[in-house]
Amino acid sequence: MKTIVICSGGLDSVTLAYKVARENELLGLVSFDYGQRHKKELDYAAHAAKQLGVPHHILDMSQIGAHLSGSALTDDVDVPDGHYAEENMKVTVVPNRNAIMLSIGFGIAAAQQADAVAAAVHGGDHFIYPDCRPGFIKNFEAMQKLALDGYANVSLYTPFVEISKGAIVEEGARINVPFEDTWSCYKGGEKHCGRCGTCVERREAFDLAGVEDPTEYADPDYWKSVVERAEP
């Protein structure tokens, strides 16, 4: 199955890229510059493509991103600290981000005669991000089948959509993904902050998977109190 991977440079999408390269035919990685404050993640996507020996394309969506205002990822809004299950994390939503990126990905896949577009949405995203949920994935693929009817037959490959980030770490460890060459932190500093939702989720995932975390965090122990607070 000839597959294009939407790759941000984060742990999930880089693991997916390695998984696709191992199990299918990886045609290349596609990343998006949508004006995110953690733009350094794109360097990690480029590195993953180089390691996997495939093309990497960064598409400039910054003008579009400028109109998707109100998000802590693209606007002058502080990135909140805490767990993804907390209500304040909804400020990290970029409206329709995945829908826009996937639409472009399907167009590229059709043009390149690829069989699939792969995205690393996972179970931990469901609480906050509506365009990461199984219902969206199912219906988006159905919509794309209609959009490309008679021209191309492209599937949406989302093997992580029903599993946790901890399970993704387990899968990545099994196939020797270089986790140190991935970037998650939304704050985009010199090192992972250890306090934002994606840092907390990353650190917790390694702990749940029983895999050593090679990430350097500015605050490496913050996640413990946050996870305890989030538990029912």
Foldseek 3Di string as FASTA:
>chain_A
DEEEEAAQQALQRLLVQLVCLVPHHYAEYEYEPQQFLQSVSVVLRVVSCVVSVHDYYYYYNPVVSVVQDQACGHYPDPQAFFAPLDPVNLSNDRPCVVVVVVVVVLVVCLVVQGAEYEYRQADSCVNRYVCSAPVNQVVSQVVVCVVCPPRHHYHYHHPHSYDALLVSVLSCVVSVRPNQSGDFASNNDPFRACTGHRNLSVLVSCVVNVHDDPGDHPDNPPSVVRVVVPDD
